[in-house]
Amino acid sequence: MPVVQREIRKRGFFGHVFKWLFIIFNILMLLWLVGYWSQISGMIGHGSDAEKAGGAIGAAIGTSMLLFFWVAGDIILGLFTLLTRGKRILITEDAR
């Protein structure tokens, strides 16, 4: 009969804290980005061509900064989440 091994990991207290911080951070960054886009959507379409171009450039710079902070935070919190996931436990079972 074939044997199957499963891997499980049990997080400790700090593992759960970093996992929830990672999830909450991503939700807040998504809300911040959508809120920023909804706020600047009404500002870009008015004025002369120079004002429209400046607004588009400013919106692109602001979006780039938000995405940079999002990625930087994800890398930092993702590493902490990965490093606090607990020890690997192998469970051997019979395949049925």
Protein backbone atom coordinates (compact mmCIF):
# COMPACT_ATOMS: atom_id res chain seq x y z
CA MET A 1 0.00 0.00 0.00
CA PRO A 2 1.43 3.43 -0.93
CA VAL A 3 2.47 5.81 1.80
CA VAL A 4 1.70 9.54 1.70
CA GLN A 5 3.51 12.19 3.73
CA ARG A 6 1.82 15.48 4.58
CA GLU A 7 3.60 18.53 5.91
CA ILE A 8 1.93 20.75 8.49
CA ARG A 9 3.22 23.74 10.41
CA LYS A 10 1.86 25.13 13.64
CA ARG A 11 2.31 28.85 14.15
CA GLY A 12 3.08 30.29 17.53
CA PHE A 13 1.76 33.55 18.95
CA PHE A 14 4.14 35.79 16.98
CA GLY A 15 3.49 33.75 13.84
CA HIS A 16 -0.21 34.56 14.09
CA VAL A 17 0.53 38.21 14.87
CA PHE A 18 2.73 38.65 11.80
CA LYS A 19 0.30 36.72 9.59
CA TRP A 20 -2.60 39.01 10.59
CA LEU A 21 -0.43 42.12 10.30
CA PHE A 22 0.45 41.02 6.75
CA ILE A 23 -3.22 40.51 5.83
CA ILE A 24 -4.40 43.76 7.45
CA PHE A 25 -1.54 45.71 5.84
CA ASN A 26 -2.54 44.47 2.37
CA ILE A 27 -6.20 45.35 2.92
CA LEU A 28 -5.32 48.85 4.18
CA MET A 29 -2.95 49.49 1.29
CA LEU A 30 -5.60 48.42 -1.22
CA LEU A 31 -8.14 50.75 0.42
CA TRP A 32 -5.59 53.59 0.42
CA LEU A 33 -4.82 53.09 -3.28
CA VAL A 34 -8.48 52.94 -4.29
CA GLY A 35 -9.26 55.97 -2.13
CA TYR A 36 -6.36 57.88 -3.69
CA TRP A 37 -7.52 57.03 -7.20
CA SER A 38 -11.11 58.04 -6.43
CA GLN A 39 -9.91 61.33 -4.95
CA ILE A 40 -7.68 62.31 -7.89
CA SER A 41 -10.12 61.14 -10.59
CA GLY A 42 -12.10 64.35 -10.25
CA MET A 43 -9.02 66.58 -10.33
CA ILE A 44 -7.33 65.45 -13.52
CA GLY A 45 -9.98 66.24 -16.14
CA HIS A 46 -10.23 70.03 -15.58
CA GLY A 47 -8.21 72.95 -16.90
CA SER A 48 -5.80 73.47 -19.75
CA ASP A 49 -3.72 70.83 -21.47
CA ALA A 50 -0.75 71.67 -19.25
CA GLU A 51 -2.86 71.24 -16.12
CA LYS A 52 -4.16 67.89 -17.38
CA ALA A 53 -0.63 66.70 -18.17
CA GLY A 54 0.63 67.87 -14.77
CA GLY A 55 -2.26 66.15 -13.04
CA ALA A 56 -1.59 62.91 -14.90
CA ILE A 57 2.12 63.06 -14.05
CA GLY A 58 1.36 63.81 -10.40
CA ALA A 59 -1.15 60.96 -10.24
CA ALA A 60 1.43 58.58 -11.72
CA ILE A 61 4.07 59.70 -9.21
CA GLY A 62 1.63 59.34 -6.30
CA THR A 63 0.53 55.90 -7.47
CA SER A 64 4.16 54.83 -7.88
CA MET A 65 4.95 55.94 -4.33
CA LEU A 66 1.98 54.07 -2.90
CA LEU A 67 2.94 50.93 -4.83
CA PHE A 68 6.55 51.26 -3.62
CA PHE A 69 5.45 51.45 0.02
CA TRP A 70 3.06 48.54 -0.54
CA VAL A 71 5.79 46.32 -2.02
CA ALA A 72 8.35 47.33 0.64
CA GLY A 73 5.88 46.59 3.43
CA ASP A 74 4.92 43.29 1.83
CA ILE A 75 8.54 42.20 1.58
CA ILE A 76 9.26 43.06 5.22
CA LEU A 77 6.05 41.63 6.67
CA GLY A 78 6.15 38.67 4.28
CA LEU A 79 9.62 37.72 5.49
CA PHE A 80 8.51 37.94 9.12
CA THR A 81 5.43 35.86 8.28
CA LEU A 82 7.56 33.28 6.51
CA LEU A 83 10.14 33.08 9.28
CA THR A 84 7.54 32.68 12.06
CA ARG A 85 5.47 29.91 10.48
CA GLY A 86 6.61 27.20 12.89
CA LYS A 87 8.48 23.93 12.69
CA ARG A 88 7.77 21.46 9.93
CA ILE A 89 5.90 18.34 11.06
CA LEU A 90 5.68 15.37 8.68
CA ILE A 91 2.67 13.08 9.02
CA THR A 92 2.87 9.69 7.33
CA GLU A 93 -0.42 8.09 6.26
CA ASP A 94 -1.57 5.18 4.15
CA ALA A 95 -3.07 6.32 0.85
CA ARG A 96 -6.64 5.17 0.33
